[in-house]
């Protein structure tokens, strides 16, 4: 039981330490994601200035609802307009 509680405590500390790192990166937040096909999704993104943009792009596991992303200033509604911020993955 002590090992389990220690593991839970360590995971909570790691999550708390990395939350601040990713919260201020990027200039937009993903509001919704809709599958169009197996490898294409439609993302609704809200920029920090309040503008809402809809983009279609290839599936990316880092582009989840609530994730911070970087949207280019010149929008061509293409895949290259949105850059995801990759988080560390523990496997």
PDB file of N, CA and C in Angstrom:
ATOM      1  N   UNK A   1       0.821  -1.191   0.000  1.00  0.00           N
ATOM      2  CA  UNK A   1       0.000   0.000   0.000  1.00  0.00           C
ATOM      3  C   UNK A   1       0.865   1.255   0.000  1.00  0.00           C
ATOM      4  N   UNK A   2       1.990   1.195   0.714  1.00  0.00           N
ATOM      5  CA  UNK A   2       2.881   2.354   0.772  1.00  0.00           C
ATOM      6  C   UNK A   2       3.486   2.655  -0.594  1.00  0.00           C
ATOM      7  N   UNK A   3       3.804   1.598  -1.364  1.00  0.00           N
ATOM      8  CA  UNK A   3       4.374   1.798  -2.695  1.00  0.00           C
ATOM      9  C   UNK A   3       3.357   2.452  -3.629  1.00  0.00           C
ATOM     10  N   UNK A   4       2.116   2.037  -3.524  1.00  0.00           N
ATOM     11  CA  UNK A   4       1.070   2.617  -4.369  1.00  0.00           C
ATOM     12  C   UNK A   4       0.861   4.088  -4.041  1.00  0.00           C
ATOM     13  N   UNK A   5       0.799   4.416  -2.759  1.00  0.00           N
ATOM     14  CA  UNK A   5       0.601   5.812  -2.385  1.00  0.00           C
ATOM     15  C   UNK A   5       1.809   6.665  -2.767  1.00  0.00           C
ATOM     16  N   UNK A   6       2.991   6.096  -2.695  1.00  0.00           N
ATOM     17  CA  UNK A   6       4.196   6.817  -3.116  1.00  0.00           C
ATOM     18  C   UNK A   6       4.177   7.068  -4.622  1.00  0.00           C
ATOM     19  N   UNK A   7       3.754   6.073  -5.393  1.00  0.00           N
ATOM     20  CA  UNK A   7       3.673   6.230  -6.847  1.00  0.00           C
ATOM     21  C   UNK A   7       2.648   7.295  -7.229  1.00  0.00           C
ATOM     22  N   UNK A   8       1.516   7.320  -6.542  1.00  0.00           N
ATOM     23  CA  UNK A   8       0.491   8.335  -6.804  1.00  0.00           C
ATOM     24  C   UNK A   8       1.016   9.722  -6.452  1.00  0.00           C
ATOM     25  N   UNK A   9       1.706   9.838  -5.339  1.00  0.00           N
ATOM     26  CA  UNK A   9       2.267  11.118  -4.930  1.00  0.00           C
ATOM     27  C   UNK A   9       3.296  11.629  -5.939  1.00  0.00           C
ATOM     28  N   UNK A  10       4.161  10.761  -6.407  1.00  0.00           N
ATOM     29  CA  UNK A  10       5.187  11.150  -7.378  1.00  0.00           C
ATOM     30  C   UNK A  10       4.540  11.594  -8.694  1.00  0.00           C
ATOM     31  N   UNK A  11       3.539  10.867  -9.145  1.00  0.00           N
ATOM     32  CA  UNK A  11       2.884  11.247 -10.401  1.00  0.00           C
ATOM     33  C   UNK A  11       2.161  12.586 -10.267  1.00  0.00           C
ATOM     34  N   UNK A  12       1.583  12.870  -9.111  1.00  0.00           N
ATOM     35  CA  UNK A  12       0.919  14.161  -8.899  1.00  0.00           C
ATOM     36  C   UNK A  12       1.935  15.300  -8.883  1.00  0.00           C
ATOM     37  N   UNK A  13       3.072  15.079  -8.278  1.00  0.00           N
ATOM     38  CA  UNK A  13       4.115  16.103  -8.235  1.00  0.00           C
ATOM     39  C   UNK A  13       4.647  16.378  -9.641  1.00  0.00           C
ATOM     40  N   UNK A  14       4.879  15.333 -10.418  1.00  0.00           N
ATOM     41  CA  UNK A  14       5.348  15.522 -11.793  1.00  0.00           C
ATOM     42  C   UNK A  14       4.321  16.275 -12.632  1.00  0.00           C
ATOM     43  N   UNK A  15       3.063  15.953 -12.489  1.00  0.00           N
ATOM     44  CA  UNK A  15       2.015  16.647 -13.241  1.00  0.00           C
ATOM     45  C   UNK A  15       1.939  18.116 -12.844  1.00  0.00           C
ATOM     46  N   UNK A  16       2.062  18.391 -11.572  1.00  0.00           N
ATOM     47  CA  UNK A  16       2.005  19.780 -11.101  1.00  0.00           C
ATOM     48  C   UNK A  16       3.205  20.581 -11.582  1.00  0.00           C
ATOM     49  N   UNK A  17       4.361  19.955 -11.637  1.00  0.00           N
ATOM     50  CA  UNK A  17       5.574  20.665 -12.066  1.00  0.00           C
ATOM     51  C   UNK A  17       5.563  20.974 -13.554  1.00  0.00           C
ATOM     52  N   UNK A  18       4.990  20.114 -14.374  1.00  0.00           N
ATOM     53  CA  UNK A  18       5.006  20.345 -15.812  1.00  0.00           C
ATOM     54  C   UNK A  18       3.804  21.145 -16.289  1.00  0.00           C
ATOM     55  N   UNK A  19       2.775  21.314 -15.484  1.00  0.00           N
ATOM     56  CA  UNK A  19       1.580  22.032 -15.926  1.00  0.00           C
ATOM     57  C   UNK A  19       1.888  23.483 -16.270  1.00  0.00           C
ATOM     58  N   UNK A  20       2.675  24.142 -15.474  1.00  0.00           N
ATOM     59  CA  UNK A  20       2.997  25.551 -15.707  1.00  0.00           C
ATOM     60  C   UNK A  20       3.866  25.733 -16.949  1.00  0.00           C
ATOM     61  N   UNK A  21       4.700  24.760 -17.260  1.00  0.00           N
ATOM     62  CA  UNK A  21       5.589  24.852 -18.410  1.00  0.00           C
ATOM     63  C   UNK A  21       4.794  24.951 -19.701  1.00  0.00           C
ATOM     64  N   UNK A  22       3.730  24.169 -19.821  1.00  0.00           N
ATOM     65  CA  UNK A  22       2.980  24.127 -21.072  1.00  0.00           C
ATOM     66  C   UNK A  22       1.828  25.124 -21.130  1.00  0.00           C
ATOM     67  N   UNK A  23       1.426  25.698 -20.029  1.00  0.00           N
ATOM     68  CA  UNK A  23       0.246  26.564 -20.027  1.00  0.00           C
ATOM     69  C   UNK A  23       0.484  27.899 -20.711  1.00  0.00           C
ATOM     70  N   UNK A  24       1.733  28.381 -20.778  1.00  0.00           N
ATOM     71  CA  UNK A  24       1.974  29.681 -21.379  1.00  0.00           C
ATOM     72  C   UNK A  24       2.644  29.597 -22.740  1.00  0.00           C
ATOM     73  N   UNK A  25       2.754  28.425 -23.317  1.00  0.00           N
ATOM     74  CA  UNK A  25       3.329  28.273 -24.648  1.00  0.00           C
ATOM     75  C   UNK A  25       2.226  28.290 -25.682  1.00  0.00           C
ATOM     76  N   UNK A  26       2.538  28.742 -26.867  1.00  0.00           N
ATOM     77  CA  UNK A  26       1.568  28.789 -27.952  1.00  0.00           C
ATOM     78  C   UNK A  26       0.769  30.076 -27.921  1.00  0.00           C
ATOM     79  N   UNK A  27      -0.048  30.255 -28.957  1.00  0.00           N
ATOM     80  CA  UNK A  27      -0.864  31.462 -29.042  1.00  0.00           C
ATOM     81  C   UNK A  27      -2.336  31.164 -29.291  1.00  0.00           C
ATOM     82  N   UNK A  28      -2.739  29.902 -29.112  1.00  0.00           N
ATOM     83  CA  UNK A  28      -4.132  29.516 -29.330  1.00  0.00           C
ATOM     84  C   UNK A  28      -4.435  28.242 -28.546  1.00  0.00           C
ATOM     85  N   UNK A  29      -5.743  27.966 -28.382  1.00  0.00           N
ATOM     86  CA  UNK A  29      -6.201  26.776 -27.671  1.00  0.00           C
ATOM     87  C   UNK A  29      -7.183  26.025 -28.553  1.00  0.00           C
ATOM     88  N   UNK A  30      -7.070  24.707 -28.605  1.00  0.00           N
ATOM     89  CA  UNK A  30      -7.993  23.890 -29.394  1.00  0.00           C
ATOM     90  C   UNK A  30      -9.296  23.754 -28.618  1.00  0.00           C
ATOM     91  N   UNK A  31     -10.408  24.162 -29.259  1.00  0.00           N
ATOM     92  CA  UNK A  31     -11.724  24.094 -28.622  1.00  0.00           C
ATOM     93  C   UNK A  31     -12.438  22.788 -28.923  1.00  0.00           C
ATOM     94  N   UNK A  32     -12.341  22.309 -30.182  1.00  0.00           N
ATOM     95  CA  UNK A  32     -13.017  21.066 -30.534  1.00  0.00           C
ATOM     96  C   UNK A  32     -12.268  20.365 -31.655  1.00  0.00           C
ATOM     97  N   UNK A  33     -12.496  19.078 -31.742  1.00  0.00           N
ATOM     98  CA  UNK A  33     -11.860  18.244 -32.756  1.00  0.00           C
ATOM     99  C   UNK A  33     -12.905  17.283 -33.302  1.00  0.00           C
ATOM    100  N   UNK A  34     -13.005  17.209 -34.636  1.00  0.00           N
ATOM    101  CA  UNK A  34     -13.996  16.332 -35.256  1.00  0.00           C
ATOM    102  C   UNK A  34     -13.304  15.500 -36.327  1.00  0.00           C
ATOM    103  N   UNK A  35     -13.479  14.180 -36.275  1.00  0.00           N
ATOM    104  CA  UNK A  35     -12.894  13.292 -37.282  1.00  0.00           C
ATOM    105  C   UNK A  35     -13.634  13.439 -38.599  1.00  0.00           C
ATOM    106  N   UNK A  36     -12.884  13.651 -39.670  1.00  0.00           N
ATOM    107  CA  UNK A  36     -13.467  13.694 -41.003  1.00  0.00           C
ATOM    108  C   UNK A  36     -13.237  12.360 -41.699  1.00  0.00           C
ATOM    109  N   UNK A  37     -12.048  11.819 -41.555  1.00  0.00           N
ATOM    110  CA  UNK A  37     -11.724  10.476 -42.038  1.00  0.00           C
ATOM    111  C   UNK A  37     -10.754   9.858 -41.035  1.00  0.00           C
ATOM    112  N   UNK A  38     -10.178   8.718 -41.385  1.00  0.00           N
ATOM    113  CA  UNK A  38      -9.281   8.035 -40.444  1.00  0.00           C
ATOM    114  C   UNK A  38      -8.040   8.848 -40.106  1.00  0.00           C
ATOM    115  N   UNK A  39      -7.541   9.645 -41.054  1.00  0.00           N
ATOM    116  CA  UNK A  39      -6.307  10.382 -40.792  1.00  0.00           C
ATOM    117  C   UNK A  39      -6.443  11.899 -40.937  1.00  0.00           C
ATOM    118  N   UNK A  40      -7.665  12.420 -41.047  1.00  0.00           N
ATOM    119  CA  UNK A  40      -7.886  13.865 -41.159  1.00  0.00           C
ATOM    120  C   UNK A  40      -8.902  14.299 -40.103  1.00  0.00           C
ATOM    121  N   UNK A  41      -8.578  15.401 -39.403  1.00  0.00           N
ATOM    122  CA  UNK A  41      -9.481  15.960 -38.399  1.00  0.00           C
ATOM    123  C   UNK A  41      -9.731  17.433 -38.698  1.00  0.00           C
ATOM    124  N   UNK A  42     -10.874  17.915 -38.228  1.00  0.00           N
ATOM    125  CA  UNK A  42     -11.197  19.333 -38.332  1.00  0.00           C
ATOM    126  C   UNK A  42     -11.089  19.918 -36.923  1.00  0.00           C
ATOM    127  N   UNK A  43     -10.209  20.892 -36.760  1.00  0.00           N
ATOM    128  CA  UNK A  43      -9.972  21.495 -35.457  1.00  0.00           C
ATOM    129  C   UNK A  43     -10.549  22.896 -35.410  1.00  0.00           C
ATOM    130  N   UNK A  44     -11.261  23.202 -34.340  1.00  0.00           N
ATOM    131  CA  UNK A  44     -11.714  24.565 -34.078  1.00  0.00           C
ATOM    132  C   UNK A  44     -10.799  25.131 -33.019  1.00  0.00           C
ATOM    133  N   UNK A  45     -10.107  26.234 -33.378  1.00  0.00           N
ATOM    134  CA  UNK A  45      -9.062  26.801 -32.536  1.00  0.00           C
ATOM    135  C   UNK A  45      -9.423  28.243 -32.210  1.00  0.00           C
ATOM    136  N   UNK A  46      -9.232  28.630 -30.942  1.00  0.00           N
ATOM    137  CA  UNK A  46      -9.443  30.019 -30.537  1.00  0.00           C
ATOM    138  C   UNK A  46      -8.092  30.645 -30.224  1.00  0.00           C
ATOM    139  N   UNK A  47      -7.774  31.709 -30.983  1.00  0.00           N
ATOM    140  CA  UNK A  47      -6.528  32.429 -30.740  1.00  0.00           C
ATOM    141  C   UNK A  47      -6.658  33.245 -29.460  1.00  0.00           C
ATOM    142  N   UNK A  48      -5.546  33.693 -28.942  1.00  0.00           N
ATOM    143  CA  UNK A  48      -5.550  34.479 -27.710  1.00  0.00           C
ATOM    144  C   UNK A  48      -6.253  35.823 -27.882  1.00  0.00           C
ATOM    145  N   UNK A  49      -6.369  36.316 -29.125  1.00  0.00           N
ATOM    146  CA  UNK A  49      -7.071  37.579 -29.361  1.00  0.00           C
ATOM    147  C   UNK A  49      -8.584  37.377 -29.502  1.00  0.00           C
ATOM    148  N   UNK A  50      -9.083  36.143 -29.363  1.00  0.00           N
ATOM    149  CA  UNK A  50     -10.506  35.851 -29.400  1.00  0.00           C
ATOM    150  C   UNK A  50     -10.999  35.326 -30.735  1.00  0.00           C
ATOM    151  N   UNK A  51     -10.186  35.423 -31.772  1.00  0.00           N
ATOM    152  CA  UNK A  51     -10.583  34.955 -33.104  1.00  0.00           C
ATOM    153  C   UNK A  51     -10.682  33.433 -33.119  1.00  0.00           C
ATOM    154  N   UNK A  52     -11.734  32.910 -33.747  1.00  0.00           N
ATOM    155  CA  UNK A  52     -11.930  31.465 -33.850  1.00  0.00           C
ATOM    156  C   UNK A  52     -11.658  31.033 -35.284  1.00  0.00           C
ATOM    157  N   UNK A  53     -10.814  30.018 -35.432  1.00  0.00           N
ATOM    158  CA  UNK A  53     -10.374  29.536 -36.734  1.00  0.00           C
ATOM    159  C   UNK A  53     -10.682  28.038 -36.826  1.00  0.00           C
ATOM    160  N   UNK A  54     -11.125  27.594 -37.997  1.00  0.00           N
ATOM    161  CA  UNK A  54     -11.365  26.172 -38.239  1.00  0.00           C
ATOM    162  C   UNK A  54     -10.347  25.683 -39.257  1.00  0.00           C
ATOM    163  N   UNK A  55      -9.616  24.635 -38.900  1.00  0.00           N
ATOM    164  CA  UNK A  55      -8.571  24.091 -39.764  1.00  0.00           C
ATOM    165  C   UNK A  55      -8.757  22.598 -39.946  1.00  0.00           C
ATOM    166  N   UNK A  56      -8.428  22.105 -41.134  1.00  0.00           N
ATOM    167  CA  UNK A  56      -8.384  20.663 -41.377  1.00  0.00           C
ATOM    168  C   UNK A  56      -6.929  20.270 -41.457  1.00  0.00           C
ATOM    169  N   UNK A  57      -6.588  19.182 -40.774  1.00  0.00           N
ATOM    170  CA  UNK A  57      -5.203  18.733 -40.787  1.00  0.00           C
ATOM    171  C   UNK A  57      -5.120  17.243 -40.522  1.00  0.00           C
ATOM    172  N   UNK A  58      -3.925  16.701 -40.728  1.00  0.00           N
ATOM    173  CA  UNK A  58      -3.703  15.291 -40.450  1.00  0.00           C
ATOM    174  C   UNK A  58      -3.820  15.049 -38.956  1.00  0.00           C
ATOM    175  N   UNK A  59      -4.220  13.850 -38.594  1.00  0.00           N
ATOM    176  CA  UNK A  59      -4.358  13.481 -37.185  1.00  0.00           C
ATOM    177  C   UNK A  59      -3.015  13.617 -36.485  1.00  0.00           C
ATOM    178  N   UNK A  60      -3.042  14.207 -35.296  1.00  0.00           N
ATOM    179  CA  UNK A  60      -1.858  14.356 -34.457  1.00  0.00           C
ATOM    180  C   UNK A  60      -2.300  14.114 -33.017  1.00  0.00           C
ATOM    181  N   UNK A  61      -1.666  13.155 -32.356  1.00  0.00           N
ATOM    182  CA  UNK A  61      -2.090  12.810 -30.996  1.00  0.00           C
ATOM    183  C   UNK A  61      -1.846  13.944 -30.010  1.00  0.00           C
ATOM    184  N   UNK A  62      -0.991  14.907 -30.344  1.00  0.00           N
ATOM    185  CA  UNK A  62      -0.735  16.045 -29.459  1.00  0.00           C
ATOM    186  C   UNK A  62      -1.781  17.144 -29.617  1.00  0.00           C
ATOM    187  N   UNK A  63      -2.558  17.101 -30.689  1.00  0.00           N
ATOM    188  CA  UNK A  63      -3.574  18.129 -30.944  1.00  0.00           C
ATOM    189  C   UNK A  63      -4.902  17.689 -30.331  1.00  0.00           C
ATOM    190  N   UNK A  64      -4.990  17.741 -29.020  1.00  0.00           N
ATOM    191  CA  UNK A  64      -6.202  17.342 -28.306  1.00  0.00           C
ATOM    192  C   UNK A  64      -6.949  18.580 -27.825  1.00  0.00           C
ATOM    193  N   UNK A  65      -8.208  18.406 -27.476  1.00  0.00           N
ATOM    194  CA  UNK A  65      -9.012  19.523 -26.983  1.00  0.00           C
ATOM    195  C   UNK A  65      -8.384  20.081 -25.712  1.00  0.00           C
ATOM    196  N   UNK A  66      -8.208  21.383 -25.679  1.00  0.00           N
ATOM    197  CA  UNK A  66      -7.593  22.050 -24.538  1.00  0.00           C
ATOM    198  C   UNK A  66      -6.098  22.267 -24.683  1.00  0.00           C
ATOM    199  N   UNK A  67      -5.481  21.663 -25.694  1.00  0.00           N
ATOM    200  CA  UNK A  67      -4.039  21.804 -25.886  1.00  0.00           C
ATOM    201  C   UNK A  67      -3.700  23.190 -26.430  1.00  0.00           C
ATOM    202  N   UNK A  68      -2.563  23.708 -26.011  1.00  0.00           N
ATOM    203  CA  UNK A  68      -2.063  24.983 -26.532  1.00  0.00           C
ATOM    204  C   UNK A  68      -1.307  24.703 -27.827  1.00  0.00           C
ATOM    205  N   UNK A  69      -1.540  25.519 -28.849  1.00  0.00           N
ATOM    206  CA  UNK A  69      -0.899  25.358 -30.149  1.00  0.00           C
ATOM    207  C   UNK A  69      -0.438  26.717 -30.653  1.00  0.00           C
ATOM    208  N   UNK A  70       0.371  26.699 -31.687  1.00  0.00           N
ATOM    209  CA  UNK A  70       0.815  27.915 -32.336  1.00  0.00           C
ATOM    210  C   UNK A  70       0.187  27.976 -33.720  1.00  0.00           C
ATOM    211  N   UNK A  71      -0.525  29.054 -34.016  1.00  0.00           N
ATOM    212  CA  UNK A  71      -1.166  29.241 -35.315  1.00  0.00           C
ATOM    213  C   UNK A  71      -0.399  30.340 -36.043  1.00  0.00           C
ATOM    214  N   UNK A  72      -0.069  30.101 -37.313  1.00  0.00           N
ATOM    215  CA  UNK A  72       0.669  31.098 -38.086  1.00  0.00           C
ATOM    216  C   UNK A  72      -0.194  32.331 -38.323  1.00  0.00           C
ATOM    217  N   UNK A  73       0.444  33.460 -38.553  1.00  0.00           N
ATOM    218  CA  UNK A  73      -0.282  34.706 -38.791  1.00  0.00           C
ATOM    219  C   UNK A  73      -1.034  34.694 -40.103  1.00  0.00           C
ATOM    220  N   UNK A  74      -0.447  34.110 -41.130  1.00  0.00           N
ATOM    221  CA  UNK A  74      -1.084  34.013 -42.449  1.00  0.00           C
ATOM    222  C   UNK A  74      -1.772  32.659 -42.539  1.00  0.00           C
ATOM    223  N   UNK A  75      -3.098  32.651 -42.488  1.00  0.00           N
ATOM    224  CA  UNK A  75      -3.823  31.381 -42.493  1.00  0.00           C
ATOM    225  C   UNK A  75      -4.268  31.018 -43.898  1.00  0.00           C
ATOM    226  N   UNK A  76      -3.810  29.867 -44.350  1.00  0.00           N
ATOM    227  CA  UNK A  76      -4.243  29.338 -45.640  1.00  0.00           C
ATOM    228  C   UNK A  76      -5.178  28.157 -45.445  1.00  0.00           C
ATOM    229  N   UNK A  77      -5.583  27.930 -44.187  1.00  0.00           N
ATOM    230  CA  UNK A  77      -6.415  26.789 -43.803  1.00  0.00           C
ATOM    231  C   UNK A  77      -5.797  25.481 -44.283  1.00  0.00           C
ATOM    232  N   UNK A  78      -4.495  25.366 -44.084  1.00  0.00           N
ATOM    233  CA  UNK A  78      -3.758  24.172 -44.467  1.00  0.00           C
ATOM    234  C   UNK A  78      -3.122  23.548 -43.240  1.00  0.00           C
ATOM    235  N   UNK A  79      -2.583  22.357 -43.449  1.00  0.00           N
ATOM    236  CA  UNK A  79      -1.981  21.601 -42.349  1.00  0.00           C
ATOM    237  C   UNK A  79      -0.812  22.342 -41.708  1.00  0.00           C
ATOM    238  N   UNK A  80      -0.066  23.089 -42.498  1.00  0.00           N
ATOM    239  CA  UNK A  80       1.134  23.750 -41.971  1.00  0.00           C
ATOM    240  C   UNK A  80       0.819  25.004 -41.155  1.00  0.00           C
ATOM    241  N   UNK A  81      -0.443  25.421 -41.093  1.00  0.00           N
ATOM    242  CA  UNK A  81      -0.811  26.624 -40.347  1.00  0.00           C
ATOM    243  C   UNK A  81      -0.779  26.421 -38.834  1.00  0.00           C
ATOM    244  N   UNK A  82      -0.838  25.187 -38.375  1.00  0.00           N
ATOM    245  CA  UNK A  82      -0.950  24.910 -36.942  1.00  0.00           C
ATOM    246  C   UNK A  82       0.218  24.046 -36.485  1.00  0.00           C
ATOM    247  N   UNK A  83       0.936  24.508 -35.496  1.00  0.00           N
ATOM    248  CA  UNK A  83       2.062  23.752 -34.940  1.00  0.00           C
ATOM    249  C   UNK A  83       1.697  23.306 -33.535  1.00  0.00           C
ATOM    250  N   UNK A  84       1.751  22.006 -33.297  1.00  0.00           N
ATOM    251  CA  UNK A  84       1.431  21.494 -31.970  1.00  0.00           C
ATOM    252  C   UNK A  84       2.645  21.601 -31.065  1.00  0.00           C
ATOM    253  N   UNK A  85       2.391  21.659 -29.779  1.00  0.00           N
ATOM    254  CA  UNK A  85       3.447  21.700 -28.774  1.00  0.00           C
ATOM    255  C   UNK A  85       3.550  20.296 -28.195  1.00  0.00           C
ATOM    256  N   UNK A  86       4.642  19.634 -28.477  1.00  0.00           N
ATOM    257  CA  UNK A  86       4.799  18.248 -28.044  1.00  0.00           C
ATOM    258  C   UNK A  86       5.158  18.194 -26.570  1.00  0.00           C
ATOM    259  N   UNK A  87       4.422  17.394 -25.841  1.00  0.00           N
ATOM    260  CA  UNK A  87       4.674  17.172 -24.423  1.00  0.00           C
ATOM    261  C   UNK A  87       5.472  15.889 -24.273  1.00  0.00           C
ATOM    262  N   UNK A  88       6.115  15.769 -23.142  1.00  0.00           N
ATOM    263  CA  UNK A  88       6.814  14.529 -22.861  1.00  0.00           C
ATOM    264  C   UNK A  88       5.801  13.428 -22.612  1.00  0.00           C
ATOM    265  N   UNK A  89       6.090  12.253 -23.141  1.00  0.00           N
ATOM    266  CA  UNK A  89       5.210  11.109 -22.931  1.00  0.00           C
ATOM    267  C   UNK A  89       5.980  10.041 -22.171  1.00  0.00           C
ATOM    268  N   UNK A  90       5.395   9.587 -21.102  1.00  0.00           N
ATOM    269  CA  UNK A  90       6.005   8.534 -20.299  1.00  0.00           C
ATOM    270  C   UNK A  90       5.331   7.223 -20.643  1.00  0.00           C
ATOM    271  N   UNK A  91       6.111   6.286 -21.134  1.00  0.00           N
ATOM    272  CA  UNK A  91       5.532   4.996 -21.526  1.00  0.00           C
ATOM    273  C   UNK A  91       6.223   3.877 -20.808  1.00  0.00           C
TER     274      UNK A  91
END
